[in-house]
């Protein structure tokens, strides 16, 4: 369970969250929506131990979170979270292969097995280009699909996705949506930020609306 109590977060002396409360049960699929500037991405970064806050508490399975650069946070990010960032979060000067190898570092796989995993995930996210292709040669939508593949390879209990279909056409948006549904079916916790509510209207998701940093 992820639990935030009385969170205070500000930016340039402007409150983003004030006495904000939020929770996610293990195995939930939570869809966060809201206008631009409502704090959706900030909340996702705090949940993923990528950003700090000024007040309140954040607990993961009862364990109090630490600052993002604390050793505990580093270990939790490695072992608990997979991220799909709005801006892909990839190493743009490296190849697809180099980026997909990152989540496999701690899995102690042979090079052949790594290659098989990467080729499989490329097929899942509907990418037909070579693994040797540099990230900077990819479109925004292709980068998002590589980022999704990277999250699948990391295979952690929690997936945090920030507008994972934002640069995709309808066909590929549906592919990514189905992959997230599949991860949820496999007992993963999925927390998603999106403005494409209509894509997520066919299952029992829990929707959270952020308006001026107030949870409704």
C-alpha atoms as a PDB file:
ATOM      1  CA  UNK A   1       0.000   0.000   0.000  1.00  0.00           C
ATOM      2  CA  UNK A   2       1.165   3.526  -0.834  1.00  0.00           C
ATOM      3  CA  UNK A   3      -0.119   6.127   1.620  1.00  0.00           C
ATOM      4  CA  UNK A   4       0.351   9.895   1.642  1.00  0.00           C
ATOM      5  CA  UNK A   5      -0.853  11.929   4.627  1.00  0.00           C
ATOM      6  CA  UNK A   6      -1.023  15.727   4.932  1.00  0.00           C
ATOM      7  CA  UNK A   7       1.458  16.230   2.104  1.00  0.00           C
ATOM      8  CA  UNK A   8       2.877  19.715   1.597  1.00  0.00           C
ATOM      9  CA  UNK A   9       4.703  20.454  -1.651  1.00  0.00           C
ATOM     10  CA  UNK A  10       5.499  23.867  -3.093  1.00  0.00           C
ATOM     11  CA  UNK A  11       7.322  25.305  -6.086  1.00  0.00           C
ATOM     12  CA  UNK A  12       8.665  28.859  -6.146  1.00  0.00           C
ATOM     13  CA  UNK A  13       6.672  29.604  -2.975  1.00  0.00           C
ATOM     14  CA  UNK A  14       3.434  28.426  -4.587  1.00  0.00           C
ATOM     15  CA  UNK A  15       1.667  25.480  -2.967  1.00  0.00           C
ATOM     16  CA  UNK A  16       1.134  22.516  -5.257  1.00  0.00           C
ATOM     17  CA  UNK A  17      -0.210  20.317  -2.459  1.00  0.00           C
ATOM     18  CA  UNK A  18      -1.314  21.406   0.999  1.00  0.00           C
ATOM     19  CA  UNK A  19      -2.426  18.824   3.599  1.00  0.00           C
ATOM     20  CA  UNK A  20      -3.000  16.412   0.715  1.00  0.00           C
ATOM     21  CA  UNK A  21      -4.039  12.794   1.369  1.00  0.00           C
ATOM     22  CA  UNK A  22      -3.820   9.900  -1.078  1.00  0.00           C
ATOM     23  CA  UNK A  23      -3.573   6.125  -1.006  1.00  0.00           C
ATOM     24  CA  UNK A  24      -3.194   3.227  -3.408  1.00  0.00           C
ATOM     25  CA  UNK A  25      -3.919  -0.340  -2.388  1.00  0.00           C
ATOM     26  CA  UNK A  26      -1.644  -3.139  -3.538  1.00  0.00           C
ATOM     27  CA  UNK A  27      -2.767  -4.422  -6.944  1.00  0.00           C
ATOM     28  CA  UNK A  28      -4.932  -1.404  -7.826  1.00  0.00           C
ATOM     29  CA  UNK A  29      -5.044   0.291 -11.214  1.00  0.00           C
ATOM     30  CA  UNK A  30      -5.404   4.015 -10.496  1.00  0.00           C
ATOM     31  CA  UNK A  31      -5.954   6.577 -13.260  1.00  0.00           C
ATOM     32  CA  UNK A  32      -5.054  10.154 -12.284  1.00  0.00           C
ATOM     33  CA  UNK A  33      -6.568  12.939 -14.346  1.00  0.00           C
ATOM     34  CA  UNK A  34      -6.714  16.712 -14.088  1.00  0.00           C
ATOM     35  CA  UNK A  35      -5.968  19.962 -15.844  1.00  0.00           C
ATOM     36  CA  UNK A  36      -2.448  21.070 -16.699  1.00  0.00           C
ATOM     37  CA  UNK A  37      -0.768  22.397 -13.558  1.00  0.00           C
ATOM     38  CA  UNK A  38      -2.909  20.374 -11.150  1.00  0.00           C
ATOM     39  CA  UNK A  39       0.123  18.435  -9.908  1.00  0.00           C
ATOM     40  CA  UNK A  40      -0.368  15.089 -11.661  1.00  0.00           C
ATOM     41  CA  UNK A  41       3.251  14.589 -12.690  1.00  0.00           C
ATOM     42  CA  UNK A  42       4.528  15.993  -9.395  1.00  0.00           C
ATOM     43  CA  UNK A  43       2.416  13.470  -7.491  1.00  0.00           C
ATOM     44  CA  UNK A  44       3.724  10.641  -9.664  1.00  0.00           C
ATOM     45  CA  UNK A  45       7.327  11.727  -9.033  1.00  0.00           C
ATOM     46  CA  UNK A  46       6.756  11.849  -5.270  1.00  0.00           C
ATOM     47  CA  UNK A  47       5.159   8.395  -5.346  1.00  0.00           C
ATOM     48  CA  UNK A  48       8.161   7.102  -7.282  1.00  0.00           C
ATOM     49  CA  UNK A  49      10.662   8.626  -4.816  1.00  0.00           C
ATOM     50  CA  UNK A  50      11.997  10.960  -7.501  1.00  0.00           C
ATOM     51  CA  UNK A  51      10.960  14.215  -5.815  1.00  0.00           C
ATOM     52  CA  UNK A  52      10.971  15.501  -2.249  1.00  0.00           C
ATOM     53  CA  UNK A  53       8.270  17.317  -0.280  1.00  0.00           C
ATOM     54  CA  UNK A  54       8.221  19.840   2.562  1.00  0.00           C
ATOM     55  CA  UNK A  55       5.705  18.339   4.958  1.00  0.00           C
ATOM     56  CA  UNK A  56       3.539  15.354   5.742  1.00  0.00           C
ATOM     57  CA  UNK A  57       4.421  11.699   5.274  1.00  0.00           C
ATOM     58  CA  UNK A  58       4.641   9.079   2.563  1.00  0.00           C
ATOM     59  CA  UNK A  59       4.738   5.391   3.475  1.00  0.00           C
ATOM     60  CA  UNK A  60       5.292   2.350   1.280  1.00  0.00           C
ATOM     61  CA  UNK A  61       3.941  -0.802   2.916  1.00  0.00           C
ATOM     62  CA  UNK A  62       4.279   0.979   6.255  1.00  0.00           C
ATOM     63  CA  UNK A  63       7.877   2.104   5.660  1.00  0.00           C
ATOM     64  CA  UNK A  64       8.437   5.850   5.924  1.00  0.00           C
ATOM     65  CA  UNK A  65       9.972   7.251   2.750  1.00  0.00           C
ATOM     66  CA  UNK A  66      13.331   9.015   2.776  1.00  0.00           C
ATOM     67  CA  UNK A  67      14.836  11.769   0.624  1.00  0.00           C
ATOM     68  CA  UNK A  68      15.280  10.799  -3.050  1.00  0.00           C
ATOM     69  CA  UNK A  69      19.073  10.541  -2.678  1.00  0.00           C
ATOM     70  CA  UNK A  70      18.901   8.340   0.442  1.00  0.00           C
ATOM     71  CA  UNK A  71      20.161   4.761   0.045  1.00  0.00           C
ATOM     72  CA  UNK A  72      16.745   3.384   1.035  1.00  0.00           C
ATOM     73  CA  UNK A  73      15.102   5.377  -1.765  1.00  0.00           C
ATOM     74  CA  UNK A  74      17.683   4.194  -4.299  1.00  0.00           C
ATOM     75  CA  UNK A  75      17.013   0.565  -3.378  1.00  0.00           C
ATOM     76  CA  UNK A  76      13.235   1.058  -3.457  1.00  0.00           C
ATOM     77  CA  UNK A  77      13.426   2.694  -6.895  1.00  0.00           C
ATOM     78  CA  UNK A  78      15.457  -0.237  -8.164  1.00  0.00           C
ATOM     79  CA  UNK A  79      13.304  -2.979  -6.666  1.00  0.00           C
ATOM     80  CA  UNK A  80       9.765  -1.571  -6.500  1.00  0.00           C
ATOM     81  CA  UNK A  81       9.194   0.876  -9.354  1.00  0.00           C
ATOM     82  CA  UNK A  82       9.150   0.881 -13.132  1.00  0.00           C
ATOM     83  CA  UNK A  83       8.683   4.258 -14.791  1.00  0.00           C
ATOM     84  CA  UNK A  84       7.202   5.331 -18.108  1.00  0.00           C
ATOM     85  CA  UNK A  85       7.936   9.049 -18.352  1.00  0.00           C
ATOM     86  CA  UNK A  86       6.096  11.578 -20.496  1.00  0.00           C
ATOM     87  CA  UNK A  87       9.418  12.573 -22.090  1.00  0.00           C
ATOM     88  CA  UNK A  88      10.519   8.909 -22.316  1.00  0.00           C
ATOM     89  CA  UNK A  89      13.447   9.203 -19.838  1.00  0.00           C
ATOM     90  CA  UNK A  90      15.746   7.391 -22.269  1.00  0.00           C
ATOM     91  CA  UNK A  91      19.442   7.852 -23.043  1.00  0.00           C
ATOM     92  CA  UNK A  92      18.986   9.573 -26.390  1.00  0.00           C
ATOM     93  CA  UNK A  93      22.575   9.144 -27.602  1.00  0.00           C
ATOM     94  CA  UNK A  94      22.490   5.389 -26.986  1.00  0.00           C
ATOM     95  CA  UNK A  95      20.813   2.617 -28.960  1.00  0.00           C
ATOM     96  CA  UNK A  96      17.503   0.965 -28.176  1.00  0.00           C
ATOM     97  CA  UNK A  97      19.493  -2.078 -27.077  1.00  0.00           C
ATOM     98  CA  UNK A  98      21.623  -0.107 -24.600  1.00  0.00           C
ATOM     99  CA  UNK A  99      18.488   1.417 -23.078  1.00  0.00           C
ATOM    100  CA  UNK A 100      16.691  -1.912 -22.795  1.00  0.00           C
ATOM    101  CA  UNK A 101      19.746  -3.524 -21.211  1.00  0.00           C
ATOM    102  CA  UNK A 102      19.538  -1.194 -18.199  1.00  0.00           C
ATOM    103  CA  UNK A 103      16.644  -2.983 -16.408  1.00  0.00           C
ATOM    104  CA  UNK A 104      18.308  -6.338 -17.122  1.00  0.00           C
ATOM    105  CA  UNK A 105      21.586  -5.472 -15.364  1.00  0.00           C
ATOM    106  CA  UNK A 106      20.639  -7.107 -12.062  1.00  0.00           C
ATOM    107  CA  UNK A 107      18.946 -10.166 -13.589  1.00  0.00           C
ATOM    108  CA  UNK A 108      22.215 -12.050 -14.314  1.00  0.00           C
ATOM    109  CA  UNK A 109      21.119 -13.217 -17.752  1.00  0.00           C
ATOM    110  CA  UNK A 110      23.340 -14.432 -20.557  1.00  0.00           C
ATOM    111  CA  UNK A 111      23.739 -12.118 -23.562  1.00  0.00           C
ATOM    112  CA  UNK A 112      21.633 -14.535 -25.591  1.00  0.00           C
ATOM    113  CA  UNK A 113      18.821 -14.457 -23.007  1.00  0.00           C
ATOM    114  CA  UNK A 114      19.015 -10.661 -22.803  1.00  0.00           C
ATOM    115  CA  UNK A 115      18.665 -10.466 -26.562  1.00  0.00           C
ATOM    116  CA  UNK A 116      15.646 -12.766 -26.523  1.00  0.00           C
ATOM    117  CA  UNK A 117      13.955 -10.702 -23.805  1.00  0.00           C
ATOM    118  CA  UNK A 118      14.588  -7.484 -25.733  1.00  0.00           C
ATOM    119  CA  UNK A 119      13.332  -8.877 -29.035  1.00  0.00           C
ATOM    120  CA  UNK A 120      10.208 -10.176 -27.306  1.00  0.00           C
ATOM    121  CA  UNK A 121       9.418  -6.832 -25.707  1.00  0.00           C
ATOM    122  CA  UNK A 122      10.010  -5.001 -29.005  1.00  0.00           C
ATOM    123  CA  UNK A 123       7.325  -7.187 -30.535  1.00  0.00           C
ATOM    124  CA  UNK A 124       4.978  -6.537 -27.601  1.00  0.00           C
ATOM    125  CA  UNK A 125       5.226  -2.751 -28.014  1.00  0.00           C
ATOM    126  CA  UNK A 126       4.899  -2.998 -31.812  1.00  0.00           C
ATOM    127  CA  UNK A 127       8.384  -1.765 -32.764  1.00  0.00           C
ATOM    128  CA  UNK A 128       9.993  -3.282 -35.845  1.00  0.00           C
ATOM    129  CA  UNK A 129      13.187  -1.193 -36.018  1.00  0.00           C
ATOM    130  CA  UNK A 130      16.614  -2.611 -35.225  1.00  0.00           C
ATOM    131  CA  UNK A 131      17.817  -2.775 -31.618  1.00  0.00           C
ATOM    132  CA  UNK A 132      20.908  -0.936 -32.859  1.00  0.00           C
ATOM    133  CA  UNK A 133      18.847   2.147 -33.756  1.00  0.00           C
ATOM    134  CA  UNK A 134      19.887   5.254 -31.752  1.00  0.00           C
ATOM    135  CA  UNK A 135      17.103   6.765 -29.665  1.00  0.00           C
ATOM    136  CA  UNK A 136      17.592  10.195 -31.255  1.00  0.00           C
ATOM    137  CA  UNK A 137      16.469   8.744 -34.602  1.00  0.00           C
ATOM    138  CA  UNK A 138      13.108   7.665 -33.183  1.00  0.00           C
ATOM    139  CA  UNK A 139       9.862   9.614 -33.200  1.00  0.00           C
ATOM    140  CA  UNK A 140       8.218  10.652 -29.944  1.00  0.00           C
ATOM    141  CA  UNK A 141       5.769   7.772 -30.186  1.00  0.00           C
ATOM    142  CA  UNK A 142       8.537   5.248 -30.827  1.00  0.00           C
ATOM    143  CA  UNK A 143      10.452   6.557 -27.815  1.00  0.00           C
ATOM    144  CA  UNK A 144       7.380   6.126 -25.632  1.00  0.00           C
ATOM    145  CA  UNK A 145       7.085   2.529 -26.761  1.00  0.00           C
ATOM    146  CA  UNK A 146      10.751   1.872 -25.974  1.00  0.00           C
ATOM    147  CA  UNK A 147      10.134   3.360 -22.508  1.00  0.00           C
ATOM    148  CA  UNK A 148       7.161   1.021 -22.070  1.00  0.00           C
ATOM    149  CA  UNK A 149       9.320  -1.912 -23.124  1.00  0.00           C
ATOM    150  CA  UNK A 150      11.954  -0.891 -20.603  1.00  0.00           C
ATOM    151  CA  UNK A 151       9.324  -0.842 -17.838  1.00  0.00           C
ATOM    152  CA  UNK A 152       8.112  -4.314 -18.823  1.00  0.00           C
ATOM    153  CA  UNK A 153      11.657  -5.687 -18.728  1.00  0.00           C
ATOM    154  CA  UNK A 154      12.278  -4.258 -15.267  1.00  0.00           C
ATOM    155  CA  UNK A 155       9.320  -6.306 -13.992  1.00  0.00           C
ATOM    156  CA  UNK A 156       8.682  -4.556 -10.663  1.00  0.00           C
ATOM    157  CA  UNK A 157       5.553  -4.641  -8.437  1.00  0.00           C
ATOM    158  CA  UNK A 158       4.609  -1.024  -9.229  1.00  0.00           C
ATOM    159  CA  UNK A 159       4.384   0.741 -12.597  1.00  0.00           C
ATOM    160  CA  UNK A 160       4.185   4.541 -12.737  1.00  0.00           C
ATOM    161  CA  UNK A 161       3.188   5.861 -16.160  1.00  0.00           C
ATOM    162  CA  UNK A 162       2.996   9.559 -17.061  1.00  0.00           C
ATOM    163  CA  UNK A 163       0.937  10.060 -20.244  1.00  0.00           C
ATOM    164  CA  UNK A 164       2.258   6.799 -21.768  1.00  0.00           C
ATOM    165  CA  UNK A 165       0.004   7.164 -24.823  1.00  0.00           C
ATOM    166  CA  UNK A 166       0.410  10.911 -25.277  1.00  0.00           C
ATOM    167  CA  UNK A 167       2.407  10.716 -28.532  1.00  0.00           C
ATOM    168  CA  UNK A 168       0.796   7.585 -29.949  1.00  0.00           C
ATOM    169  CA  UNK A 169      -1.818   6.944 -32.608  1.00  0.00           C
ATOM    170  CA  UNK A 170      -4.989   5.085 -31.669  1.00  0.00           C
ATOM    171  CA  UNK A 171      -3.612   1.651 -32.654  1.00  0.00           C
ATOM    172  CA  UNK A 172      -0.461   1.945 -30.554  1.00  0.00           C
ATOM    173  CA  UNK A 173      -2.315   3.634 -27.685  1.00  0.00           C
ATOM    174  CA  UNK A 174      -4.536   0.572 -27.467  1.00  0.00           C
ATOM    175  CA  UNK A 175      -1.475  -1.721 -27.515  1.00  0.00           C
ATOM    176  CA  UNK A 176       0.102   0.137 -24.576  1.00  0.00           C
ATOM    177  CA  UNK A 177      -3.204   0.188 -22.721  1.00  0.00           C
ATOM    178  CA  UNK A 178      -3.584  -3.581 -23.129  1.00  0.00           C
ATOM    179  CA  UNK A 179      -0.007  -4.139 -21.921  1.00  0.00           C
ATOM    180  CA  UNK A 180      -0.755  -2.125 -18.771  1.00  0.00           C
ATOM    181  CA  UNK A 181      -3.990  -4.074 -18.290  1.00  0.00           C
ATOM    182  CA  UNK A 182      -2.012  -7.295 -18.592  1.00  0.00           C
ATOM    183  CA  UNK A 183       0.510  -6.138 -15.976  1.00  0.00           C
ATOM    184  CA  UNK A 184      -2.387  -5.285 -13.665  1.00  0.00           C
ATOM    185  CA  UNK A 185      -3.889  -8.733 -14.257  1.00  0.00           C
ATOM    186  CA  UNK A 186      -0.544 -10.148 -13.130  1.00  0.00           C
ATOM    187  CA  UNK A 187      -1.044  -8.491  -9.718  1.00  0.00           C
ATOM    188  CA  UNK A 188       1.008  -5.374 -10.476  1.00  0.00           C
ATOM    189  CA  UNK A 189       0.019  -1.986  -9.063  1.00  0.00           C
ATOM    190  CA  UNK A 190      -0.404   0.519 -11.900  1.00  0.00           C
ATOM    191  CA  UNK A 191      -0.649   4.281 -11.357  1.00  0.00           C
ATOM    192  CA  UNK A 192      -1.276   6.208 -14.540  1.00  0.00           C
ATOM    193  CA  UNK A 193      -1.523   9.892 -15.423  1.00  0.00           C
ATOM    194  CA  UNK A 194      -3.550  10.563 -18.560  1.00  0.00           C
ATOM    195  CA  UNK A 195      -5.820  13.025 -20.323  1.00  0.00           C
ATOM    196  CA  UNK A 196      -7.237  10.238 -22.516  1.00  0.00           C
ATOM    197  CA  UNK A 197      -9.993   9.098 -20.170  1.00  0.00           C
ATOM    198  CA  UNK A 198     -11.963   7.483 -22.982  1.00  0.00           C
ATOM    199  CA  UNK A 199      -9.168   4.932 -23.447  1.00  0.00           C
ATOM    200  CA  UNK A 200      -9.757   3.660 -19.913  1.00  0.00           C
ATOM    201  CA  UNK A 201     -13.534   3.305 -19.772  1.00  0.00           C
ATOM    202  CA  UNK A 202     -13.895  -0.453 -20.174  1.00  0.00           C
ATOM    203  CA  UNK A 203     -12.647  -1.796 -16.843  1.00  0.00           C
ATOM    204  CA  UNK A 204     -13.034  -1.134 -13.148  1.00  0.00           C
ATOM    205  CA  UNK A 205     -10.226   1.402 -12.797  1.00  0.00           C
ATOM    206  CA  UNK A 206     -10.191   3.833  -9.895  1.00  0.00           C
ATOM    207  CA  UNK A 207     -10.220   7.383 -11.216  1.00  0.00           C
ATOM    208  CA  UNK A 208      -8.701  10.241  -9.252  1.00  0.00           C
ATOM    209  CA  UNK A 209      -9.380  13.842 -10.268  1.00  0.00           C
ATOM    210  CA  UNK A 210      -6.861  16.530  -9.319  1.00  0.00           C
ATOM    211  CA  UNK A 211      -8.155  20.077  -9.397  1.00  0.00           C
ATOM    212  CA  UNK A 212      -5.924  22.822  -8.071  1.00  0.00           C
ATOM    213  CA  UNK A 213      -4.125  20.121  -6.108  1.00  0.00           C
ATOM    214  CA  UNK A 214      -7.275  19.041  -4.254  1.00  0.00           C
ATOM    215  CA  UNK A 215      -8.222  15.374  -4.460  1.00  0.00           C
ATOM    216  CA  UNK A 216     -11.882  14.729  -5.362  1.00  0.00           C
END
